[in-house]
N, C-alpha and C. Protein backbone atom coordinates (compact mmCIF):
# COMPACT_ATOMS: atom_id res chain seq x y z
N MET A 1 7.66 13.07 8.28
CA MET A 1 7.14 12.61 7.00
C MET A 1 7.44 11.12 6.87
N HIS A 2 6.42 10.29 7.06
CA HIS A 2 6.65 8.85 7.02
C HIS A 2 6.86 8.32 5.60
N GLU A 3 6.52 9.10 4.58
CA GLU A 3 6.77 8.68 3.21
C GLU A 3 8.26 8.44 2.98
N MET A 4 9.10 9.30 3.51
CA MET A 4 10.55 9.15 3.33
C MET A 4 11.06 7.89 4.03
N SER A 5 10.61 7.64 5.23
CA SER A 5 11.09 6.44 5.93
C SER A 5 10.61 5.17 5.21
N LEU A 6 9.41 5.19 4.67
CA LEU A 6 8.93 4.03 3.90
C LEU A 6 9.73 3.87 2.61
N ALA A 7 10.06 4.97 1.96
CA ALA A 7 10.87 4.92 0.74
C ALA A 7 12.27 4.37 1.06
N GLN A 8 12.85 4.81 2.16
CA GLN A 8 14.17 4.32 2.55
C GLN A 8 14.14 2.82 2.83
N SER A 9 13.11 2.37 3.51
CA SER A 9 12.96 0.95 3.80
C SER A 9 12.81 0.13 2.51
N LEU A 10 12.02 0.64 1.60
CA LEU A 10 11.82 -0.06 0.33
C LEU A 10 13.13 -0.14 -0.46
N MET A 11 13.88 0.96 -0.51
CA MET A 11 15.14 0.96 -1.24
C MET A 11 16.17 0.05 -0.57
N SER A 12 16.13 -0.06 0.74
CA SER A 12 17.02 -0.99 1.44
C SER A 12 16.73 -2.42 1.03
N SER A 13 15.45 -2.74 0.88
CA SER A 13 15.09 -4.10 0.45
C SER A 13 15.52 -4.34 -1.00
N VAL A 14 15.46 -3.31 -1.84
CA VAL A 14 15.94 -3.43 -3.22
C VAL A 14 17.44 -3.72 -3.22
N LEU A 15 18.19 -3.00 -2.40
CA LEU A 15 19.64 -3.22 -2.33
C LEU A 15 19.98 -4.61 -1.79
N ARG A 16 19.21 -5.10 -0.84
CA ARG A 16 19.42 -6.47 -0.33
C ARG A 16 19.16 -7.49 -1.44
N GLU A 17 18.13 -7.23 -2.23
CA GLU A 17 17.80 -8.13 -3.34
C GLU A 17 18.93 -8.11 -4.38
N MET A 18 19.52 -6.95 -4.61
CA MET A 18 20.68 -6.85 -5.51
C MET A 18 21.81 -7.74 -5.03
N GLU A 19 22.12 -7.64 -3.75
CA GLU A 19 23.21 -8.44 -3.18
C GLU A 19 22.91 -9.93 -3.32
N LYS A 20 21.68 -10.29 -3.06
CA LYS A 20 21.28 -11.70 -3.13
C LYS A 20 21.50 -12.28 -4.53
N HIS A 21 21.34 -11.44 -5.56
CA HIS A 21 21.46 -11.91 -6.94
C HIS A 21 22.78 -11.48 -7.59
N ASN A 22 23.71 -10.97 -6.77
CA ASN A 22 25.01 -10.50 -7.27
C ASN A 22 24.84 -9.52 -8.44
N ALA A 23 23.88 -8.63 -8.31
CA ALA A 23 23.62 -7.64 -9.36
C ALA A 23 24.53 -6.43 -9.19
N THR A 24 24.80 -5.78 -10.32
CA THR A 24 25.66 -4.59 -10.29
C THR A 24 24.87 -3.30 -10.40
N LYS A 25 23.63 -3.39 -10.88
CA LYS A 25 22.84 -2.19 -11.09
C LYS A 25 21.35 -2.53 -11.11
N VAL A 26 20.55 -1.58 -10.67
CA VAL A 26 19.09 -1.68 -10.78
C VAL A 26 18.68 -0.95 -12.05
N LEU A 27 17.97 -1.64 -12.92
CA LEU A 27 17.52 -1.03 -14.17
C LEU A 27 16.08 -0.52 -14.08
N GLU A 28 15.25 -1.25 -13.34
CA GLU A 28 13.83 -0.88 -13.26
C GLU A 28 13.23 -1.35 -11.95
N ILE A 29 12.39 -0.49 -11.38
CA ILE A 29 11.66 -0.82 -10.15
C ILE A 29 10.19 -0.46 -10.37
N ARG A 30 9.33 -1.42 -10.15
CA ARG A 30 7.87 -1.18 -10.19
C ARG A 30 7.38 -1.35 -8.75
N VAL A 31 6.76 -0.29 -8.22
CA VAL A 31 6.26 -0.30 -6.84
C VAL A 31 4.74 -0.17 -6.88
N GLU A 32 4.07 -0.97 -6.08
CA GLU A 32 2.62 -0.90 -5.94
C GLU A 32 2.31 -0.40 -4.54
N ILE A 33 1.55 0.69 -4.45
CA ILE A 33 1.10 1.23 -3.17
C ILE A 33 -0.33 0.76 -2.96
N GLY A 34 -0.57 0.07 -1.88
CA GLY A 34 -1.92 -0.37 -1.57
C GLY A 34 -2.85 0.82 -1.38
N GLU A 35 -4.04 0.70 -1.91
CA GLU A 35 -5.04 1.77 -1.85
C GLU A 35 -5.30 2.23 -0.41
N LEU A 36 -5.18 1.33 0.55
CA LEU A 36 -5.46 1.68 1.94
C LEU A 36 -4.24 2.18 2.71
N MET A 37 -3.13 2.38 2.03
CA MET A 37 -1.90 2.79 2.71
C MET A 37 -1.92 4.22 3.22
N GLN A 38 -2.84 5.05 2.75
CA GLN A 38 -2.96 6.42 3.25
C GLN A 38 -1.66 7.21 3.07
N LEU A 39 -0.98 6.99 1.95
CA LEU A 39 0.23 7.72 1.64
C LEU A 39 -0.08 8.91 0.74
N ASP A 40 0.74 9.92 0.84
CA ASP A 40 0.70 11.01 -0.13
C ASP A 40 1.57 10.53 -1.29
N ARG A 41 0.92 10.05 -2.35
CA ARG A 41 1.64 9.41 -3.45
C ARG A 41 2.72 10.30 -4.06
N PRO A 42 2.43 11.58 -4.40
CA PRO A 42 3.49 12.41 -4.98
C PRO A 42 4.71 12.58 -4.06
N ILE A 43 4.48 12.70 -2.77
CA ILE A 43 5.60 12.84 -1.83
C ILE A 43 6.38 11.53 -1.76
N PHE A 44 5.68 10.39 -1.78
CA PHE A 44 6.35 9.09 -1.75
C PHE A 44 7.19 8.89 -3.01
N VAL A 45 6.65 9.25 -4.17
CA VAL A 45 7.39 9.13 -5.44
C VAL A 45 8.62 10.04 -5.41
N GLU A 46 8.44 11.25 -4.90
CA GLU A 46 9.57 12.18 -4.78
C GLU A 46 10.65 11.62 -3.85
N ALA A 47 10.23 11.02 -2.76
CA ALA A 47 11.18 10.42 -1.81
C ALA A 47 11.94 9.28 -2.48
N LEU A 48 11.23 8.40 -3.19
CA LEU A 48 11.88 7.30 -3.89
C LEU A 48 12.87 7.83 -4.93
N THR A 49 12.44 8.82 -5.70
CA THR A 49 13.28 9.40 -6.74
C THR A 49 14.55 9.99 -6.15
N SER A 50 14.44 10.63 -5.00
CA SER A 50 15.61 11.24 -4.37
C SER A 50 16.63 10.19 -3.93
N LEU A 51 16.18 8.95 -3.76
CA LEU A 51 17.07 7.87 -3.31
C LEU A 51 17.71 7.11 -4.47
N LEU A 52 17.32 7.43 -5.69
CA LEU A 52 17.88 6.76 -6.87
C LEU A 52 19.19 7.44 -7.28
N GLU A 53 20.21 7.26 -6.47
CA GLU A 53 21.50 7.87 -6.76
C GLU A 53 22.60 6.87 -6.43
N GLY A 54 23.77 7.16 -6.91
CA GLY A 54 24.90 6.26 -6.71
C GLY A 54 24.98 5.27 -7.86
N PRO A 55 26.11 4.58 -7.96
CA PRO A 55 26.34 3.70 -9.10
C PRO A 55 25.34 2.54 -9.23
N LYS A 56 24.76 2.11 -8.15
CA LYS A 56 23.83 0.97 -8.22
C LYS A 56 22.41 1.38 -8.62
N LEU A 57 22.03 2.61 -8.30
CA LEU A 57 20.64 3.01 -8.49
C LEU A 57 20.44 4.12 -9.53
N ASP A 58 21.48 4.88 -9.81
CA ASP A 58 21.36 6.02 -10.73
C ASP A 58 20.86 5.55 -12.10
N GLY A 59 19.85 6.23 -12.61
CA GLY A 59 19.31 5.91 -13.93
C GLY A 59 18.25 4.83 -13.94
N ALA A 60 17.94 4.26 -12.80
CA ALA A 60 16.92 3.21 -12.75
C ALA A 60 15.56 3.80 -13.11
N ARG A 61 14.79 3.06 -13.88
CA ARG A 61 13.43 3.48 -14.24
C ARG A 61 12.53 3.16 -13.06
N LEU A 62 11.76 4.15 -12.61
CA LEU A 62 10.86 3.99 -11.47
C LEU A 62 9.43 4.13 -11.94
N ASP A 63 8.60 3.17 -11.60
CA ASP A 63 7.18 3.19 -11.94
C ASP A 63 6.41 2.90 -10.66
N VAL A 64 5.52 3.81 -10.29
CA VAL A 64 4.75 3.64 -9.05
C VAL A 64 3.27 3.62 -9.39
N GLY A 65 2.60 2.55 -8.99
CA GLY A 65 1.17 2.40 -9.24
C GLY A 65 0.42 2.18 -7.95
N VAL A 66 -0.89 2.05 -8.07
CA VAL A 66 -1.75 1.82 -6.92
C VAL A 66 -2.42 0.46 -7.07
N GLU A 67 -2.34 -0.36 -6.03
CA GLU A 67 -3.02 -1.64 -6.00
C GLU A 67 -4.38 -1.43 -5.33
N LYS A 68 -5.43 -1.69 -6.04
CA LYS A 68 -6.79 -1.51 -5.52
C LYS A 68 -7.01 -2.41 -4.31
N ALA A 69 -7.79 -1.90 -3.37
CA ALA A 69 -8.13 -2.68 -2.18
C ALA A 69 -9.23 -3.67 -2.51
N ASN A 70 -9.07 -4.88 -2.04
CA ASN A 70 -10.08 -5.91 -2.17
C ASN A 70 -10.23 -6.63 -0.85
N PHE A 71 -11.45 -6.94 -0.52
CA PHE A 71 -11.78 -7.65 0.71
C PHE A 71 -12.30 -9.03 0.35
N THR A 72 -12.10 -9.99 1.26
CA THR A 72 -12.57 -11.36 1.06
C THR A 72 -13.29 -11.80 2.33
N CYS A 73 -14.38 -12.51 2.15
CA CYS A 73 -15.13 -13.06 3.28
C CYS A 73 -14.55 -14.42 3.64
N GLY A 74 -14.21 -14.58 4.90
CA GLY A 74 -13.67 -15.84 5.39
C GLY A 74 -14.73 -16.92 5.50
N ARG A 75 -15.97 -16.54 5.45
CA ARG A 75 -17.08 -17.50 5.59
C ARG A 75 -17.54 -18.04 4.23
N CYS A 76 -17.82 -17.14 3.27
CA CYS A 76 -18.38 -17.59 1.99
C CYS A 76 -17.45 -17.35 0.80
N SER A 77 -16.27 -16.76 1.06
CA SER A 77 -15.25 -16.50 0.04
C SER A 77 -15.62 -15.43 -0.98
N SER A 78 -16.67 -14.66 -0.74
CA SER A 78 -17.02 -13.56 -1.64
C SER A 78 -15.90 -12.52 -1.62
N LYS A 79 -15.77 -11.81 -2.73
CA LYS A 79 -14.76 -10.74 -2.84
C LYS A 79 -15.45 -9.47 -3.30
N TRP A 80 -14.96 -8.31 -2.79
CA TRP A 80 -15.49 -7.02 -3.20
C TRP A 80 -14.43 -5.94 -2.99
N GLY A 81 -14.65 -4.80 -3.61
CA GLY A 81 -13.67 -3.72 -3.55
C GLY A 81 -14.13 -2.55 -2.71
N MET A 82 -13.43 -1.43 -2.88
CA MET A 82 -13.67 -0.24 -2.07
C MET A 82 -15.02 0.41 -2.32
N GLU A 83 -15.57 0.28 -3.51
CA GLU A 83 -16.87 0.89 -3.78
C GLU A 83 -17.92 0.35 -2.81
N GLU A 84 -17.96 -0.96 -2.65
CA GLU A 84 -18.90 -1.58 -1.70
C GLU A 84 -18.52 -1.21 -0.27
N ALA A 85 -17.24 -1.24 0.05
CA ALA A 85 -16.79 -0.91 1.41
C ALA A 85 -17.19 0.52 1.78
N LYS A 86 -17.05 1.46 0.84
CA LYS A 86 -17.40 2.85 1.10
C LYS A 86 -18.89 3.01 1.40
N LYS A 87 -19.73 2.26 0.70
CA LYS A 87 -21.17 2.29 0.97
C LYS A 87 -21.44 1.90 2.43
N GLN A 88 -20.76 0.87 2.87
CA GLN A 88 -20.95 0.40 4.25
C GLN A 88 -20.39 1.40 5.26
N LEU A 89 -19.25 1.99 4.94
CA LEU A 89 -18.61 2.92 5.86
C LEU A 89 -19.43 4.19 6.07
N GLU A 90 -20.22 4.57 5.07
CA GLU A 90 -21.08 5.75 5.20
C GLU A 90 -22.15 5.56 6.26
N LYS A 91 -22.43 4.32 6.65
CA LYS A 91 -23.48 4.01 7.61
C LYS A 91 -22.96 3.82 9.04
N VAL A 92 -21.66 4.03 9.25
CA VAL A 92 -21.07 3.84 10.58
C VAL A 92 -21.61 4.90 11.53
N ALA A 93 -21.95 4.48 12.73
CA ALA A 93 -22.51 5.37 13.75
C ALA A 93 -21.55 6.51 14.09
N GLY A 94 -22.12 7.69 14.31
CA GLY A 94 -21.34 8.89 14.59
C GLY A 94 -20.47 8.80 15.82
N ASP A 95 -20.87 8.01 16.82
CA ASP A 95 -20.07 7.93 18.04
C ASP A 95 -18.78 7.11 17.84
N LEU A 96 -18.62 6.49 16.68
CA LEU A 96 -17.38 5.77 16.38
C LEU A 96 -16.39 6.62 15.60
N LEU A 97 -16.78 7.83 15.28
CA LEU A 97 -15.93 8.71 14.51
C LEU A 97 -14.95 9.46 15.41
N VAL A 98 -13.81 9.80 14.86
CA VAL A 98 -12.77 10.53 15.58
C VAL A 98 -12.94 12.01 15.28
N GLU A 99 -12.92 12.82 16.32
CA GLU A 99 -13.07 14.27 16.17
C GLU A 99 -11.76 14.87 15.68
N GLU A 100 -11.83 15.51 14.51
CA GLU A 100 -10.70 16.22 13.94
C GLU A 100 -11.01 17.71 14.05
N PRO A 101 -10.03 18.60 13.88
CA PRO A 101 -10.30 20.04 14.01
C PRO A 101 -11.43 20.54 13.10
N ASP A 102 -11.54 19.99 11.90
CA ASP A 102 -12.55 20.49 10.98
C ASP A 102 -13.54 19.42 10.49
N SER A 103 -13.52 18.25 11.10
CA SER A 103 -14.43 17.19 10.67
C SER A 103 -14.43 16.04 11.67
N LYS A 104 -15.31 15.09 11.41
CA LYS A 104 -15.33 13.82 12.15
C LYS A 104 -15.09 12.74 11.10
N GLU A 105 -14.20 11.81 11.41
CA GLU A 105 -13.92 10.75 10.44
C GLU A 105 -13.64 9.43 11.14
N LEU A 106 -13.74 8.37 10.36
CA LEU A 106 -13.43 7.05 10.89
C LEU A 106 -11.95 6.97 11.26
N PRO A 107 -11.61 6.15 12.23
CA PRO A 107 -10.19 6.03 12.62
C PRO A 107 -9.36 5.26 11.59
N LEU A 108 -9.95 4.95 10.43
CA LEU A 108 -9.26 4.16 9.42
C LEU A 108 -8.06 4.88 8.82
N HIS A 109 -8.11 6.19 8.80
CA HIS A 109 -6.96 6.94 8.29
C HIS A 109 -5.73 6.66 9.17
N PHE A 110 -5.96 6.52 10.45
CA PHE A 110 -4.87 6.31 11.39
C PHE A 110 -4.52 4.83 11.54
N LEU A 111 -5.52 3.97 11.40
CA LEU A 111 -5.34 2.52 11.56
C LEU A 111 -6.09 1.77 10.45
N PRO A 112 -5.54 1.74 9.23
CA PRO A 112 -6.25 1.09 8.13
C PRO A 112 -6.51 -0.40 8.36
N GLU A 113 -5.77 -1.01 9.28
CA GLU A 113 -6.01 -2.42 9.56
C GLU A 113 -7.35 -2.65 10.26
N LEU A 114 -8.06 -1.57 10.62
CA LEU A 114 -9.37 -1.68 11.24
C LEU A 114 -10.51 -1.84 10.23
N TYR A 115 -10.22 -1.73 8.94
CA TYR A 115 -11.29 -1.85 7.94
C TYR A 115 -12.18 -3.06 8.18
N PRO A 116 -11.64 -4.26 8.42
CA PRO A 116 -12.51 -5.41 8.62
C PRO A 116 -13.48 -5.28 9.81
N ALA A 117 -13.17 -4.40 10.77
CA ALA A 117 -14.08 -4.20 11.90
C ALA A 117 -15.31 -3.39 11.49
N PHE A 118 -15.22 -2.66 10.39
CA PHE A 118 -16.31 -1.79 9.95
C PHE A 118 -17.02 -2.30 8.70
N VAL A 119 -16.47 -3.30 8.05
CA VAL A 119 -17.00 -3.79 6.78
C VAL A 119 -17.47 -5.23 6.96
N HIS A 120 -18.64 -5.53 6.40
CA HIS A 120 -19.20 -6.88 6.45
C HIS A 120 -19.39 -7.42 5.04
N CYS A 121 -19.46 -8.71 4.92
CA CYS A 121 -19.64 -9.35 3.62
C CYS A 121 -20.98 -8.92 3.03
N PRO A 122 -20.99 -8.38 1.80
CA PRO A 122 -22.25 -7.99 1.18
C PRO A 122 -23.09 -9.19 0.75
N ASN A 123 -22.49 -10.37 0.72
CA ASN A 123 -23.20 -11.59 0.30
C ASN A 123 -23.88 -12.29 1.48
N CYS A 124 -23.13 -12.56 2.55
CA CYS A 124 -23.69 -13.33 3.67
C CYS A 124 -23.80 -12.53 4.97
N GLY A 125 -23.23 -11.31 5.01
CA GLY A 125 -23.33 -10.48 6.20
C GLY A 125 -22.29 -10.76 7.27
N SER A 126 -21.42 -11.71 7.04
CA SER A 126 -20.41 -12.08 8.03
C SER A 126 -19.43 -10.94 8.30
N SER A 127 -18.93 -10.89 9.53
CA SER A 127 -17.88 -9.93 9.87
C SER A 127 -16.51 -10.59 9.81
N ASP A 128 -16.47 -11.83 9.35
CA ASP A 128 -15.21 -12.56 9.16
C ASP A 128 -14.61 -12.12 7.83
N VAL A 129 -14.10 -10.90 7.82
CA VAL A 129 -13.63 -10.24 6.61
C VAL A 129 -12.15 -9.93 6.74
N PHE A 130 -11.42 -10.10 5.66
CA PHE A 130 -10.02 -9.70 5.67
C PHE A 130 -9.66 -8.97 4.39
N LEU A 131 -8.66 -8.13 4.50
CA LEU A 131 -8.16 -7.38 3.36
C LEU A 131 -7.27 -8.32 2.57
N SER A 132 -7.65 -8.62 1.33
CA SER A 132 -6.88 -9.57 0.53
C SER A 132 -5.89 -8.88 -0.41
N GLU A 133 -6.11 -7.61 -0.72
CA GLU A 133 -5.20 -6.85 -1.57
C GLU A 133 -5.31 -5.37 -1.23
N GLY A 134 -4.24 -4.64 -1.48
CA GLY A 134 -4.30 -3.19 -1.34
C GLY A 134 -3.98 -2.64 0.02
N GLY A 135 -3.27 -3.41 0.85
CA GLY A 135 -2.96 -2.93 2.19
C GLY A 135 -1.47 -2.82 2.47
N ALA A 136 -0.65 -2.86 1.41
CA ALA A 136 0.80 -2.84 1.62
C ALA A 136 1.49 -2.07 0.51
N ILE A 137 2.77 -1.87 0.70
CA ILE A 137 3.63 -1.34 -0.35
C ILE A 137 4.53 -2.49 -0.74
N LYS A 138 4.64 -2.73 -2.05
CA LYS A 138 5.48 -3.84 -2.47
C LYS A 138 6.16 -3.54 -3.79
N VAL A 139 7.30 -4.18 -3.97
CA VAL A 139 8.00 -4.12 -5.25
C VAL A 139 7.41 -5.25 -6.09
N SER A 140 6.71 -4.89 -7.16
CA SER A 140 6.08 -5.92 -8.00
C SER A 140 6.96 -6.32 -9.18
N LYS A 141 7.97 -5.50 -9.47
CA LYS A 141 8.90 -5.84 -10.56
C LYS A 141 10.24 -5.20 -10.24
N LEU A 142 11.29 -5.99 -10.38
CA LEU A 142 12.64 -5.49 -10.14
C LEU A 142 13.53 -6.08 -11.23
N VAL A 143 14.06 -5.21 -12.09
CA VAL A 143 14.95 -5.64 -13.16
C VAL A 143 16.37 -5.25 -12.76
N LEU A 144 17.23 -6.27 -12.69
CA LEU A 144 18.60 -6.06 -12.25
C LEU A 144 19.58 -6.40 -13.37
N LYS A 145 20.72 -5.74 -13.34
CA LYS A 145 21.81 -6.07 -14.26
C LYS A 145 22.80 -6.89 -13.46
N THR A 146 23.10 -8.06 -13.95
CA THR A 146 24.07 -8.92 -13.27
C THR A 146 25.31 -9.05 -14.14
N GLY A 147 26.46 -9.21 -13.50
CA GLY A 147 27.73 -9.37 -14.22
C GLY A 147 28.11 -8.12 -15.01
N GLU A 148 29.08 -8.23 -15.83
CA GLU A 148 29.53 -7.09 -16.66
C GLU A 148 29.63 -7.46 -18.10
């Protein structure tokens, strides 16, 4: 279950941030899961919650949201979201799909960093596309208690 290892890594970074600021306790953590992260959100939240123990983390308020995916064209600077990307992905040739036991699907579930290979700019048609948002897990807010 990679959700637990990601949760452990995230909490380790929170603890490092505490040390950096000489904090005694974490009061609030806001986590954003990128839309393309392919995580099971309830399992990830459960994993994070299970790690909120001990004097530094116990009682911390946890808020987990989703950061929408957005793409940007490196050629014309146009921006678009998953709705447009999904329209384009529906047109991908069948021989590029991965055979699963009960379906055929794009390899994006396994390698979300491949999205730019399958998506083109809806404005100029360029394949010089990059994911500008929604491809990572990040702490967007961290409230710490410092001193006593």
